[in-house]
N, C-alpha and C. Protein backbone atom coordinates (compact mmCIF):
# COMPACT_ATOMS: atom_id res chain seq x y z
N MET A 1 2.29 -23.36 -74.97
CA MET A 1 1.82 -22.71 -76.03
C MET A 1 2.78 -22.96 -77.34
N TYR A 2 2.11 -22.99 -78.42
CA TYR A 2 3.07 -23.13 -79.67
C TYR A 2 2.52 -22.09 -80.67
N LEU A 3 3.46 -21.61 -81.36
CA LEU A 3 3.21 -20.53 -82.34
C LEU A 3 3.72 -21.14 -83.61
N ALA A 4 2.69 -21.07 -84.74
CA ALA A 4 2.93 -21.49 -85.92
C ALA A 4 2.97 -20.22 -86.86
N MET A 5 3.95 -20.22 -87.77
CA MET A 5 4.06 -18.98 -88.56
C MET A 5 4.54 -19.45 -90.08
N ASN A 6 3.75 -18.88 -90.98
CA ASN A 6 4.17 -18.95 -92.46
C ASN A 6 4.66 -17.63 -92.93
N ARG A 7 5.72 -17.56 -93.52
CA ARG A 7 6.22 -16.32 -94.12
C ARG A 7 6.11 -16.33 -95.66
N PHE A 8 5.32 -15.12 -96.13
CA PHE A 8 5.20 -15.20 -97.58
C PHE A 8 5.90 -13.87 -98.16
N ARG A 9 6.50 -14.09 -99.25
CA ARG A 9 7.19 -12.92 -100.02
C ARG A 9 6.19 -12.85 -101.28
N ILE A 10 5.33 -11.58 -101.14
CA ILE A 10 4.43 -11.34 -102.26
C ILE A 10 4.91 -10.31 -103.09
N LYS A 11 4.92 -10.66 -104.34
CA LYS A 11 5.51 -9.71 -105.52
C LYS A 11 4.75 -8.43 -105.43
N ARG A 12 5.48 -7.32 -105.54
CA ARG A 12 4.96 -5.96 -105.52
C ARG A 12 3.80 -5.94 -106.52
N GLY A 13 2.86 -5.05 -105.98
CA GLY A 13 1.63 -5.02 -106.81
C GLY A 13 0.35 -6.03 -106.53
N PHE A 14 0.84 -7.00 -105.91
CA PHE A 14 -0.19 -8.13 -105.53
C PHE A 14 -0.68 -8.02 -104.06
N GLU A 15 -0.18 -6.99 -103.34
CA GLU A 15 -0.44 -6.94 -101.81
C GLU A 15 -1.96 -6.83 -101.58
N THR A 16 -2.76 -5.99 -102.27
CA THR A 16 -4.11 -5.92 -102.04
C THR A 16 -4.87 -7.22 -102.37
N GLU A 17 -4.49 -7.80 -103.47
CA GLU A 17 -5.23 -9.20 -103.86
C GLU A 17 -4.90 -10.17 -102.74
N PHE A 18 -3.60 -10.35 -102.23
CA PHE A 18 -3.13 -11.18 -101.32
C PHE A 18 -4.17 -10.99 -99.85
N GLU A 19 -4.13 -9.73 -99.41
CA GLU A 19 -4.72 -9.42 -98.34
C GLU A 19 -6.25 -9.62 -98.39
N THR A 20 -6.80 -9.43 -99.64
CA THR A 20 -8.21 -9.71 -99.85
C THR A 20 -8.62 -11.21 -99.75
N LEU A 21 -7.69 -12.01 -100.26
CA LEU A 21 -7.74 -13.59 -100.22
C LEU A 21 -7.91 -14.06 -98.85
N TRP A 22 -6.96 -13.37 -97.91
CA TRP A 22 -6.96 -13.74 -96.45
C TRP A 22 -8.23 -13.25 -95.71
N ARG A 23 -8.76 -12.11 -96.19
CA ARG A 23 -9.94 -11.46 -95.45
C ARG A 23 -11.16 -12.38 -95.86
N GLU A 24 -11.16 -12.79 -97.03
CA GLU A 24 -12.42 -13.41 -97.53
C GLU A 24 -12.44 -14.88 -97.49
N ARG A 25 -11.32 -15.61 -97.13
CA ARG A 25 -11.28 -16.95 -97.02
C ARG A 25 -12.08 -17.58 -95.97
N GLU A 26 -12.60 -18.78 -96.07
CA GLU A 26 -13.10 -19.55 -94.93
C GLU A 26 -12.21 -20.37 -94.19
N SER A 27 -11.51 -19.82 -93.09
CA SER A 27 -10.50 -20.55 -92.48
C SER A 27 -10.82 -21.63 -91.63
N ARG A 28 -12.08 -21.60 -91.06
CA ARG A 28 -12.64 -22.59 -90.02
C ARG A 28 -11.70 -22.73 -88.76
N LEU A 29 -10.79 -21.80 -88.58
CA LEU A 29 -9.95 -21.87 -87.42
C LEU A 29 -10.86 -21.63 -86.08
N ASP A 30 -11.85 -20.81 -86.14
CA ASP A 30 -12.68 -20.44 -84.98
C ASP A 30 -13.42 -21.61 -84.45
N HIS A 31 -13.52 -22.73 -85.13
CA HIS A 31 -14.10 -23.93 -84.72
C HIS A 31 -13.30 -25.00 -84.03
N LEU A 32 -11.98 -24.76 -84.00
CA LEU A 32 -10.98 -25.86 -83.74
C LEU A 32 -10.57 -25.75 -82.25
N GLU A 33 -10.44 -26.80 -81.72
CA GLU A 33 -9.91 -27.02 -80.29
C GLU A 33 -8.51 -26.68 -80.36
N GLY A 34 -8.08 -25.79 -79.33
CA GLY A 34 -6.61 -25.55 -79.23
C GLY A 34 -6.18 -24.26 -79.91
N ILE A 35 -6.97 -23.69 -80.78
CA ILE A 35 -6.45 -22.52 -81.34
C ILE A 35 -6.89 -21.25 -80.38
N LEU A 36 -5.80 -20.35 -80.21
CA LEU A 36 -5.87 -19.21 -79.34
C LEU A 36 -6.08 -18.06 -80.12
N SER A 37 -5.27 -17.76 -81.19
CA SER A 37 -5.37 -16.69 -82.00
C SER A 37 -4.75 -16.86 -83.41
N PHE A 38 -5.19 -15.86 -84.23
CA PHE A 38 -4.65 -15.81 -85.62
C PHE A 38 -4.47 -14.28 -85.89
N ASP A 39 -3.32 -14.05 -86.79
CA ASP A 39 -3.11 -12.74 -87.31
C ASP A 39 -2.36 -12.97 -88.42
N LEU A 40 -2.77 -12.03 -89.55
CA LEU A 40 -1.91 -11.93 -90.72
C LEU A 40 -1.15 -10.55 -90.68
N LEU A 41 0.14 -10.58 -90.61
CA LEU A 41 1.11 -9.43 -90.45
C LEU A 41 1.67 -9.00 -91.70
N ARG A 42 1.81 -7.71 -91.88
CA ARG A 42 2.46 -7.27 -93.10
C ARG A 42 3.80 -6.72 -92.60
N GLY A 43 4.92 -7.17 -93.35
CA GLY A 43 6.27 -6.56 -92.91
C GLY A 43 6.81 -5.50 -93.99
N ALA A 44 8.13 -5.71 -93.97
CA ALA A 44 8.87 -4.74 -94.90
C ALA A 44 8.67 -5.04 -96.37
N THR A 45 8.74 -3.92 -97.23
CA THR A 45 8.57 -4.03 -98.60
C THR A 45 10.03 -3.70 -99.08
N ASP A 46 10.63 -4.44 -100.20
CA ASP A 46 11.80 -4.27 -100.85
C ASP A 46 11.42 -4.04 -102.30
N ALA A 47 12.46 -3.85 -103.21
CA ALA A 47 12.20 -3.55 -104.49
C ALA A 47 11.43 -4.77 -105.30
N GLN A 48 11.48 -6.06 -104.71
CA GLN A 48 10.61 -7.07 -105.46
C GLN A 48 9.37 -7.53 -104.66
N SER A 49 9.36 -7.36 -103.40
CA SER A 49 8.13 -8.03 -102.61
C SER A 49 7.84 -7.29 -101.31
N THR A 50 6.79 -7.86 -100.67
CA THR A 50 6.39 -7.31 -99.43
C THR A 50 6.19 -8.66 -98.61
N LEU A 51 6.84 -8.62 -97.41
CA LEU A 51 6.78 -9.89 -96.48
C LEU A 51 5.62 -9.76 -95.66
N TYR A 52 4.93 -10.99 -95.53
CA TYR A 52 3.82 -11.27 -94.78
C TYR A 52 4.02 -12.52 -93.88
N ALA A 53 3.37 -12.54 -92.69
CA ALA A 53 3.48 -13.67 -91.98
C ALA A 53 2.04 -14.06 -91.48
N SER A 54 1.56 -15.23 -91.53
CA SER A 54 0.46 -15.83 -91.02
C SER A 54 0.88 -16.35 -89.60
N HIS A 55 0.27 -15.91 -88.53
CA HIS A 55 0.75 -16.15 -87.30
C HIS A 55 -0.39 -16.75 -86.42
N THR A 56 -0.32 -18.06 -86.01
CA THR A 56 -1.31 -18.60 -85.30
C THR A 56 -0.71 -19.11 -83.87
N VAL A 57 -1.43 -18.96 -82.86
CA VAL A 57 -1.07 -19.40 -81.51
C VAL A 57 -1.90 -20.52 -81.05
N TRP A 58 -1.42 -21.59 -80.64
CA TRP A 58 -2.03 -22.83 -80.28
C TRP A 58 -1.81 -23.10 -78.75
N ALA A 59 -2.73 -23.77 -78.18
CA ALA A 59 -2.48 -24.37 -76.70
C ALA A 59 -1.28 -25.20 -76.70
N SER A 60 -0.97 -25.98 -77.78
CA SER A 60 0.12 -26.91 -77.87
C SER A 60 0.48 -27.40 -79.15
N GLN A 61 1.66 -27.90 -79.40
CA GLN A 61 2.00 -28.26 -80.73
C GLN A 61 1.17 -29.55 -80.99
N ASP A 62 0.69 -30.32 -80.16
CA ASP A 62 -0.25 -31.36 -80.45
C ASP A 62 -1.58 -31.07 -81.06
N ALA A 63 -2.13 -29.74 -80.55
CA ALA A 63 -3.27 -29.12 -81.08
C ALA A 63 -3.06 -28.61 -82.41
N PHE A 64 -1.92 -28.01 -82.75
CA PHE A 64 -1.63 -27.69 -84.17
C PHE A 64 -1.44 -28.84 -84.97
N ASP A 65 -0.74 -29.79 -84.51
CA ASP A 65 -0.48 -31.00 -85.49
C ASP A 65 -1.82 -31.78 -85.83
N ALA A 66 -2.82 -31.67 -84.88
CA ALA A 66 -4.22 -32.40 -85.06
C ALA A 66 -4.84 -31.56 -86.02
N TRP A 67 -4.69 -30.33 -86.05
CA TRP A 67 -5.33 -29.52 -87.20
C TRP A 67 -4.72 -29.72 -88.45
N THR A 68 -3.38 -30.06 -88.57
CA THR A 68 -2.75 -30.08 -89.85
C THR A 68 -3.32 -31.55 -90.51
N ARG A 69 -3.80 -32.45 -89.62
CA ARG A 69 -4.22 -33.61 -90.15
C ARG A 69 -5.75 -33.67 -90.34
N SER A 70 -6.41 -32.49 -90.16
CA SER A 70 -7.80 -32.56 -90.14
C SER A 70 -8.38 -32.21 -91.55
N SER A 71 -9.68 -32.46 -91.87
CA SER A 71 -10.43 -31.96 -92.99
C SER A 71 -10.39 -30.49 -93.03
N ALA A 72 -10.58 -29.74 -91.94
CA ALA A 72 -10.64 -28.41 -91.88
C ALA A 72 -9.40 -27.74 -92.42
N PHE A 73 -8.07 -28.54 -92.20
CA PHE A 73 -6.89 -27.90 -92.80
C PHE A 73 -6.95 -28.02 -94.33
N ARG A 74 -7.33 -29.29 -94.71
CA ARG A 74 -7.39 -29.54 -96.18
C ARG A 74 -8.34 -28.49 -96.88
N ASP A 75 -9.39 -28.24 -96.37
CA ASP A 75 -10.53 -27.42 -96.76
C ASP A 75 -9.88 -25.91 -97.05
N ALA A 76 -9.21 -25.59 -95.77
CA ALA A 76 -8.68 -24.05 -95.68
C ALA A 76 -7.46 -23.95 -96.76
N HIS A 77 -6.90 -25.01 -97.03
CA HIS A 77 -5.59 -24.88 -98.10
C HIS A 77 -6.06 -25.21 -99.52
N ARG A 78 -7.30 -25.67 -99.76
CA ARG A 78 -7.68 -26.12 -101.05
C ARG A 78 -7.55 -24.88 -101.92
N GLY A 79 -7.01 -25.12 -103.05
CA GLY A 79 -6.81 -24.07 -104.08
C GLY A 79 -5.65 -23.07 -103.77
N ALA A 80 -4.82 -23.37 -102.88
CA ALA A 80 -3.77 -22.49 -102.47
C ALA A 80 -2.76 -22.20 -103.56
N GLY A 81 -2.61 -23.35 -104.47
CA GLY A 81 -1.74 -23.08 -105.50
C GLY A 81 -2.27 -22.24 -106.75
N ASP A 82 -3.53 -21.84 -106.66
CA ASP A 82 -4.18 -21.19 -107.74
C ASP A 82 -3.66 -19.69 -108.02
N HIS A 83 -2.90 -19.20 -106.98
CA HIS A 83 -2.58 -17.84 -107.01
C HIS A 83 -1.07 -17.65 -106.88
N GLY A 84 -0.44 -18.69 -107.56
CA GLY A 84 1.17 -18.74 -107.54
C GLY A 84 1.84 -17.47 -108.21
N ASP A 85 1.04 -16.81 -109.06
CA ASP A 85 1.62 -15.75 -109.76
C ASP A 85 1.92 -14.59 -108.73
N MET A 86 1.47 -14.58 -107.57
CA MET A 86 1.63 -13.41 -106.63
C MET A 86 2.81 -13.69 -105.76
N PHE A 87 3.29 -15.00 -105.62
CA PHE A 87 4.42 -15.28 -104.69
C PHE A 87 5.64 -15.29 -105.35
N LEU A 88 6.70 -14.49 -104.73
CA LEU A 88 7.92 -14.53 -105.15
C LEU A 88 8.78 -15.86 -105.10
N ASP A 89 8.28 -16.66 -103.96
CA ASP A 89 8.84 -18.03 -103.92
C ASP A 89 7.81 -18.75 -102.86
N HIS A 90 8.22 -19.82 -102.53
CA HIS A 90 7.32 -20.74 -101.67
C HIS A 90 7.31 -20.15 -100.24
N PRO A 91 6.09 -20.25 -99.51
CA PRO A 91 6.06 -19.90 -98.21
C PRO A 91 7.07 -20.55 -97.30
N ASP A 92 7.51 -19.99 -96.36
CA ASP A 92 8.57 -20.56 -95.22
C ASP A 92 7.64 -20.88 -93.93
N PHE A 93 7.71 -22.14 -93.53
CA PHE A 93 6.96 -22.43 -92.23
C PHE A 93 8.05 -22.35 -91.04
N GLU A 94 7.58 -21.84 -89.99
CA GLU A 94 8.42 -21.75 -88.79
C GLU A 94 7.63 -22.08 -87.49
N GLY A 95 7.80 -23.02 -86.68
CA GLY A 95 7.07 -23.44 -85.52
C GLY A 95 7.91 -23.12 -84.34
N PHE A 96 7.41 -22.77 -83.14
CA PHE A 96 8.01 -22.39 -82.05
C PHE A 96 7.21 -22.85 -80.84
N ASP A 97 8.01 -23.45 -79.86
CA ASP A 97 7.42 -23.76 -78.56
C ASP A 97 7.78 -22.61 -77.56
N GLN A 98 6.79 -22.48 -76.67
CA GLN A 98 6.97 -21.31 -75.61
C GLN A 98 8.24 -21.81 -74.66
N VAL A 99 9.01 -20.87 -74.29
CA VAL A 99 10.05 -21.13 -73.31
C VAL A 99 9.38 -20.71 -71.97
N GLU A 100 9.24 -21.71 -71.14
CA GLU A 100 8.68 -21.71 -69.86
C GLU A 100 9.21 -20.51 -69.07
N GLY A 101 8.37 -19.77 -68.38
CA GLY A 101 8.90 -18.86 -67.50
C GLY A 101 9.29 -17.44 -68.05
N THR A 102 9.07 -17.26 -69.41
CA THR A 102 9.51 -16.06 -70.14
C THR A 102 8.56 -15.18 -70.68
N SER A 103 7.18 -15.53 -70.56
CA SER A 103 6.15 -14.74 -71.08
C SER A 103 5.58 -13.69 -70.15
N MET A 104 4.95 -12.69 -70.91
CA MET A 104 4.52 -11.54 -70.08
C MET A 104 3.17 -11.21 -70.96
N ARG A 105 2.07 -10.98 -70.33
CA ARG A 105 0.74 -10.56 -70.85
C ARG A 105 0.35 -9.35 -70.14
N VAL A 106 -0.08 -8.46 -71.10
CA VAL A 106 -0.59 -7.20 -70.55
C VAL A 106 -1.96 -7.22 -70.22
N ASN A 107 -2.44 -6.82 -69.19
CA ASN A 107 -3.83 -6.77 -68.76
C ASN A 107 -4.48 -5.52 -69.46
N PRO A 108 -5.40 -5.77 -70.47
CA PRO A 108 -6.03 -4.59 -71.35
C PRO A 108 -6.68 -3.46 -70.41
N VAL A 109 -7.29 -3.93 -69.40
CA VAL A 109 -8.04 -2.95 -68.43
C VAL A 109 -6.99 -2.13 -67.54
N SER A 110 -5.78 -2.71 -67.20
CA SER A 110 -4.83 -1.99 -66.52
C SER A 110 -4.31 -0.94 -67.46
N LEU A 111 -3.94 -1.40 -68.74
CA LEU A 111 -3.34 -0.53 -69.75
C LEU A 111 -4.25 0.62 -70.01
N GLU A 112 -5.57 0.43 -70.20
CA GLU A 112 -6.52 1.47 -70.50
C GLU A 112 -6.55 2.42 -69.16
N ALA A 113 -6.46 2.01 -67.97
CA ALA A 113 -6.28 2.96 -66.85
C ALA A 113 -5.15 3.71 -66.85
N GLU A 114 -3.88 3.12 -67.06
CA GLU A 114 -2.69 3.79 -67.27
C GLU A 114 -2.72 4.85 -68.31
N THR A 115 -3.36 4.61 -69.44
CA THR A 115 -3.50 5.50 -70.46
C THR A 115 -4.28 6.68 -70.08
N LEU A 116 -5.40 6.47 -69.59
CA LEU A 116 -6.32 7.50 -69.00
C LEU A 116 -5.59 8.26 -67.99
N HIS A 117 -4.97 7.71 -66.90
CA HIS A 117 -4.32 8.52 -65.96
C HIS A 117 -3.22 9.37 -66.63
N ALA A 118 -2.44 8.89 -67.61
CA ALA A 118 -1.44 9.69 -68.40
C ALA A 118 -2.03 10.94 -69.06
N LYS A 119 -3.24 10.74 -69.73
CA LYS A 119 -3.96 11.72 -70.40
C LYS A 119 -4.38 12.97 -69.30
N LEU A 120 -5.00 12.34 -68.12
CA LEU A 120 -5.51 13.26 -67.12
C LEU A 120 -4.47 13.97 -66.30
N GLY A 121 -3.27 13.32 -66.22
CA GLY A 121 -2.28 13.89 -65.36
C GLY A 121 -2.58 13.71 -63.85
N SER A 122 -2.21 14.61 -63.08
CA SER A 122 -2.60 14.49 -61.63
C SER A 122 -3.67 15.30 -61.29
N ALA A 123 -4.73 15.48 -62.24
CA ALA A 123 -5.94 16.34 -61.95
C ALA A 123 -6.63 15.66 -60.90
N SER A 124 -7.31 16.45 -59.95
CA SER A 124 -8.20 15.71 -58.87
C SER A 124 -9.52 15.59 -59.40
N TYR A 125 -10.21 14.62 -58.95
CA TYR A 125 -11.52 14.23 -59.48
C TYR A 125 -12.48 14.55 -58.41
């Protein structure tokens, strides 16, 4: 597994515009081999900016690298410089490989059952 993340510092007052750009853009990620998930995350706000991270999980770094060389990548990033007024500085890219044997996944069905059990307590059925 490979995690690719871009961190963006967005000037105060431009948060809604930045989020709208991400919601409305045509990413083409859902048609790519090796993509597992995408999230746009909002972080802390300070006097100058709000921190955001685009977070994609890939089957492998090779799958991510293949995307960066594709026409889909070029299309998704076309016009990225058109909104420079909202960025405090350039985005920072960070890439991470999974450390084998350290992952944990929560089974959503089990989590729902535990939540229901906690709500109902020890009531008999």
